[in-house]
N, C-alpha and C. Protein backbone atom coordinates (compact mmCIF):
# COMPACT_ATOMS: atom_id res chain seq x y z
N UNK A 1 13.64 -21.36 -1.38
CA UNK A 1 12.19 -20.42 -1.79
C UNK A 1 12.25 -19.37 -0.84
N UNK A 2 12.57 -18.11 -0.96
CA UNK A 2 13.30 -16.89 -0.40
C UNK A 2 11.67 -16.40 -0.03
N UNK A 3 11.26 -16.47 0.57
CA UNK A 3 10.20 -15.12 1.75
C UNK A 3 10.69 -13.93 2.16
N UNK A 4 10.18 -12.40 1.49
CA UNK A 4 10.49 -11.59 1.98
C UNK A 4 9.26 -10.96 2.98
N UNK A 5 9.78 -10.32 3.86
CA UNK A 5 8.54 -10.28 4.84
C UNK A 5 8.22 -8.46 4.19
N UNK A 6 7.03 -8.68 4.48
CA UNK A 6 6.75 -7.01 4.21
C UNK A 6 6.94 -6.05 5.14
N UNK A 7 7.55 -6.39 6.07
CA UNK A 7 8.48 -5.19 7.05
C UNK A 7 10.12 -5.00 6.29
N UNK A 8 10.61 -6.25 6.05
CA UNK A 8 11.73 -5.77 5.03
C UNK A 8 11.68 -4.97 3.85
N UNK A 9 10.88 -5.75 3.31
CA UNK A 9 10.47 -5.45 1.81
C UNK A 9 10.27 -3.91 1.83
N UNK A 10 9.01 -3.14 3.13
CA UNK A 10 8.76 -1.88 3.39
C UNK A 10 9.97 -0.75 3.83
N UNK A 11 10.94 -1.34 4.77
CA UNK A 11 12.28 -0.93 4.84
C UNK A 11 13.39 -0.49 4.24
N UNK A 12 13.20 -1.55 2.95
CA UNK A 12 14.03 -1.43 2.02
C UNK A 12 14.19 0.01 1.05
N UNK A 13 12.06 -0.28 0.63
CA UNK A 13 11.84 0.78 -0.13
C UNK A 13 11.77 2.38 1.01
N UNK A 14 12.02 2.57 1.87
CA UNK A 14 11.83 3.53 2.85
C UNK A 14 13.33 4.07 2.45
N UNK A 15 14.10 3.16 2.84
CA UNK A 15 15.86 3.85 1.64
C UNK A 15 16.03 3.96 0.77
N UNK A 16 15.19 3.60 -0.16
CA UNK A 16 15.59 3.97 -1.27
C UNK A 16 15.05 5.33 -1.73
N UNK A 17 16.16 5.60 -2.16
CA UNK A 17 15.30 6.88 -3.22
C UNK A 17 15.73 7.14 -4.88
N UNK A 18 15.70 5.71 -5.15
CA UNK A 18 15.28 6.19 -6.77
C UNK A 18 13.93 4.92 -6.68
N UNK A 19 13.55 4.58 -6.85
CA UNK A 19 12.82 3.71 -7.32
C UNK A 19 11.38 4.85 -6.89
N UNK A 20 10.47 4.83 -8.06
CA UNK A 20 9.07 5.46 -7.72
C UNK A 20 8.09 5.17 -8.67
N UNK A 21 8.29 4.23 -8.83
CA UNK A 21 7.08 3.00 -9.10
C UNK A 21 7.15 1.59 -9.24
N UNK A 22 6.19 0.91 -8.41
CA UNK A 22 6.20 -0.29 -7.47
C UNK A 22 5.33 -1.45 -7.76
N UNK A 23 5.61 -2.50 -7.47
CA UNK A 23 4.65 -3.12 -7.91
C UNK A 23 4.42 -4.14 -7.05
N UNK A 24 3.96 -4.77 -6.16
CA UNK A 24 3.36 -6.07 -5.49
C UNK A 24 1.89 -6.33 -5.46
N UNK A 25 1.72 -7.07 -6.28
CA UNK A 25 0.95 -7.44 -6.64
C UNK A 25 0.24 -9.27 -6.52
N UNK A 26 -0.92 -9.56 -6.64
CA UNK A 26 -0.64 -10.59 -6.36
C UNK A 26 -0.29 -11.38 -4.82
N UNK A 27 0.03 -10.89 -4.34
CA UNK A 27 1.05 -11.62 -3.36
C UNK A 27 0.21 -12.23 -1.44
N UNK A 28 -1.05 -11.56 -2.14
CA UNK A 28 -1.69 -11.63 -0.73
C UNK A 28 -1.03 -11.52 0.63
N UNK A 29 -1.30 -10.07 -0.01
CA UNK A 29 -1.03 -9.27 1.42
C UNK A 29 -1.76 -9.10 2.51
N UNK A 30 -3.41 -9.71 2.22
CA UNK A 30 -4.15 -9.07 2.97
C UNK A 30 -3.97 -7.16 3.77
N UNK A 31 -5.30 -7.39 4.75
CA UNK A 31 -5.14 -6.04 6.02
C UNK A 31 -4.30 -6.45 6.51
N UNK A 32 -3.64 -6.84 7.06
CA UNK A 32 -2.30 -7.26 7.83
C UNK A 32 -1.20 -6.50 6.96
N UNK A 33 -0.34 -7.11 5.99
CA UNK A 33 0.21 -6.10 4.77
C UNK A 33 -0.20 -4.89 4.20
N UNK A 34 -1.87 -4.13 4.46
CA UNK A 34 -1.20 -3.51 3.80
C UNK A 34 -1.36 -1.86 4.63
N UNK A 35 -1.57 -2.81 6.47
CA UNK A 35 -1.54 -1.53 7.22
C UNK A 35 -0.10 -1.77 7.04
N UNK A 36 0.77 -2.09 6.66
CA UNK A 36 2.11 -1.90 6.71
C UNK A 36 2.85 -1.45 6.14
N UNK A 37 2.12 -1.43 4.71
CA UNK A 37 2.31 -0.48 3.50
C UNK A 37 1.74 1.05 3.87
N UNK A 38 1.05 1.41 4.45
CA UNK A 38 0.51 2.30 5.49
C UNK A 38 1.42 2.99 5.97
N UNK A 39 2.05 2.74 6.89
CA UNK A 39 2.87 2.87 8.10
C UNK A 39 4.02 3.45 7.15
N UNK A 40 4.53 2.70 5.71
CA UNK A 40 5.69 3.33 5.61
C UNK A 40 5.48 4.06 4.32
N UNK A 41 3.80 4.45 3.87
CA UNK A 41 3.47 5.27 2.35
C UNK A 41 3.53 6.31 3.98
N UNK A 42 2.91 6.60 5.02
CA UNK A 42 2.97 7.80 5.70
C UNK A 42 4.47 8.49 5.73
N UNK A 43 5.70 8.08 5.68
CA UNK A 43 6.79 8.86 5.51
C UNK A 43 7.93 8.59 4.63
N UNK A 44 7.16 8.17 3.37
CA UNK A 44 7.55 8.21 2.21
C UNK A 44 7.91 9.25 1.60
N UNK A 45 8.76 9.73 0.96
CA UNK A 45 8.84 10.92 -0.21
C UNK A 45 9.09 10.57 -1.66
N UNK A 46 9.67 9.57 -2.14
CA UNK A 46 10.38 8.98 -3.18
C UNK A 46 8.82 8.26 -3.93
N UNK A 47 8.31 7.30 -3.75
CA UNK A 47 7.23 6.67 -4.33
C UNK A 47 6.24 7.31 -4.93
N UNK A 48 5.92 7.72 -6.48
CA UNK A 48 4.81 8.09 -6.96
C UNK A 48 3.67 7.40 -7.85
N UNK A 49 3.46 5.60 -7.80
CA UNK A 49 2.82 4.62 -8.02
C UNK A 49 2.99 3.01 -7.05
N UNK A 50 2.08 3.38 -6.81
CA UNK A 50 2.40 1.49 -6.43
C UNK A 50 0.88 0.94 -6.37
N UNK A 51 1.62 -0.01 -6.88
CA UNK A 51 0.16 -1.55 -7.52
C UNK A 51 -0.12 -2.11 -5.97
N UNK A 52 -1.24 -2.30 -5.51
CA UNK A 52 -0.88 -3.18 -4.73
C UNK A 52 -2.65 -4.40 -4.68
N UNK A 53 -2.81 -4.18 -6.43
CA UNK A 53 -4.11 -4.78 -6.53
C UNK A 53 -3.56 -6.42 -6.58
N UNK A 54 -4.99 -7.16 -6.06
CA UNK A 54 -5.42 -9.21 -5.86
C UNK A 54 -4.37 -9.25 -5.09
N UNK A 55 -4.34 -8.30 -3.80
CA UNK A 55 -4.22 -9.17 -2.30
C UNK A 55 -5.24 -9.51 -1.42
N UNK A 56 -6.00 -9.82 -1.49
CA UNK A 56 -7.27 -9.79 -0.56
C UNK A 56 -7.06 -8.74 0.19
N UNK A 57 -7.26 -7.09 -0.28
CA UNK A 57 -6.65 -5.83 1.27
C UNK A 57 -8.57 -6.02 0.71
N UNK A 58 -9.33 -5.57 2.29
CA UNK A 58 -10.35 -5.65 2.81
C UNK A 58 -10.41 -3.97 3.15
N UNK A 59 -11.62 -3.67 4.11
CA UNK A 59 -11.92 -2.56 4.16
C UNK A 59 -10.92 -2.40 5.23
N UNK A 60 -10.17 -3.07 6.46
CA UNK A 60 -9.53 -2.12 7.35
C UNK A 60 -8.02 -1.97 7.06
N UNK A 61 -7.32 -2.72 5.79
CA UNK A 61 -5.95 -2.63 4.72
C UNK A 61 -6.56 -1.10 4.15
N UNK A 62 -8.05 -0.97 3.46
CA UNK A 62 -8.09 0.09 2.92
C UNK A 62 -8.22 1.73 3.86
N UNK A 63 -8.88 1.43 4.61
CA UNK A 63 -9.24 2.77 6.03
C UNK A 63 -7.37 2.54 6.65
N UNK A 64 -6.95 1.59 6.69
CA UNK A 64 -5.35 2.04 6.54
C UNK A 64 -4.88 2.91 5.70
N UNK A 65 -4.89 2.71 4.40
CA UNK A 65 -3.84 3.63 3.46
C UNK A 65 -4.65 4.67 3.17
N UNK A 66 -5.95 4.49 2.95
CA UNK A 66 -6.74 5.91 3.49
C UNK A 66 -5.92 7.14 4.29
N UNK A 67 -5.91 6.52 5.60
CA UNK A 67 -5.46 7.20 6.78
C UNK A 67 -3.83 7.97 6.31
N UNK A 68 -2.90 6.84 5.39
CA UNK A 68 -1.35 6.84 5.14
C UNK A 68 -1.69 7.91 3.60
N UNK A 69 -2.76 8.37 3.01
CA UNK A 69 -2.07 8.79 2.10
C UNK A 69 -3.15 10.55 2.32
N UNK A 70 -3.35 10.43 3.45
CA UNK A 70 -4.08 11.87 3.96
C UNK A 70 -2.33 12.15 4.71
N UNK A 71 -1.29 11.54 4.81
CA UNK A 71 -0.13 12.12 5.43
C UNK A 71 1.11 12.20 3.95
N UNK A 72 0.26 11.15 2.58
CA UNK A 72 1.85 11.61 1.72
C UNK A 72 1.22 12.53 0.70
N UNK A 73 2.42 13.49 0.50
CA UNK A 73 2.27 13.86 -1.13
C UNK A 73 3.10 13.08 -1.83
N UNK A 74 3.68 12.52 -2.24
CA UNK A 74 4.16 12.03 -2.99
C UNK A 74 3.43 11.31 -4.40
N UNK A 75 2.60 9.90 -3.60
CA UNK A 75 2.14 9.47 -4.07
C UNK A 75 1.22 10.00 -5.32
N UNK A 76 1.10 10.06 -6.50
CA UNK A 76 -0.08 9.91 -7.25
C UNK A 76 -1.02 8.86 -8.09
N UNK A 77 -0.30 8.15 -7.66
CA UNK A 77 -1.31 6.37 -7.92
C UNK A 77 -1.37 5.46 -7.21
N UNK A 78 -2.88 5.01 -6.96
CA UNK A 78 -2.24 3.33 -7.15
C UNK A 78 -3.64 2.46 -7.44
N UNK A 79 -2.98 1.42 -7.10
CA UNK A 79 -3.78 0.52 -7.65
C UNK A 79 -4.50 -0.75 -7.09
N UNK A 80 -5.68 -0.44 -6.66
CA UNK A 80 -6.70 -1.19 -5.73
C UNK A 80 -6.90 -2.31 -5.82
N UNK A 81 -7.27 -2.82 -7.25
CA UNK A 81 -8.36 -3.34 -8.26
C UNK A 81 -7.80 -4.89 -7.75
N UNK A 82 -8.63 -4.88 -7.81
CA UNK A 82 -9.31 -6.56 -7.73
C UNK A 82 -8.92 -7.39 -6.21
N UNK A 83 -9.10 -6.36 -5.50
CA UNK A 83 -9.21 -6.44 -3.87
C UNK A 83 -11.01 -6.40 -3.18
N UNK A 84 -11.06 -6.47 -1.84
CA UNK A 84 -12.31 -6.68 -1.45
C UNK A 84 -12.66 -5.36 -0.40
N UNK A 85 -12.24 -4.18 -1.42
CA UNK A 85 -12.28 -3.77 0.40
C UNK A 85 -13.62 -3.39 1.01
N UNK A 86 -14.88 -3.65 0.16
CA UNK A 86 -15.92 -3.24 0.34
C UNK A 86 -16.43 -1.81 0.60
N UNK A 87 -17.36 -1.58 0.43
CA UNK A 87 -18.04 -0.49 0.70
C UNK A 87 -18.11 0.80 1.34
N UNK A 88 -17.34 0.58 3.17
CA UNK A 88 -16.60 1.12 3.68
C UNK A 88 -15.37 1.95 3.33
N UNK A 89 -14.65 0.51 2.38
CA UNK A 89 -13.01 0.75 2.52
C UNK A 89 -13.36 1.73 1.31
N UNK A 90 -14.14 1.61 0.04
CA UNK A 90 -14.59 2.42 -1.12
C UNK A 90 -14.47 3.80 -0.84
N UNK A 91 -15.61 4.42 0.66
CA UNK A 91 -15.53 5.67 0.65
C UNK A 91 -14.20 6.20 1.85
N UNK A 92 -14.26 5.32 2.66
CA UNK A 92 -12.88 5.77 3.24
C UNK A 92 -11.81 6.28 2.00
N UNK A 93 -12.20 5.76 1.04
CA UNK A 93 -10.59 6.21 -0.05
C UNK A 93 -11.19 7.49 -0.71
N UNK A 94 -12.27 6.92 -0.82
CA UNK A 94 -13.12 8.15 -2.03
C UNK A 94 -13.36 9.61 -1.18
N UNK A 95 -13.33 9.46 0.16
CA UNK A 95 -13.44 10.79 0.71
C UNK A 95 -12.70 11.63 1.05
């Protein structure tokens, strides 16, 4: 049973120049995993679609993703359904 860390996964994605659509759903990322993805997204120019649904992401993770998306010009679609973003997280993402 191998476990891949989020840091290793985002490092691989950062070096990959062909993957444009990626799904990491139901993996229990939580806010810490969302923050790791946020750091990755700040500089990523390849991904156009990312599915982070059903990962227990809360307000802090949503806010981190929001900040990353301000810098990312490639991502066109992100699925955050089935998370617990809270009112503040939703407001941050919609603004």
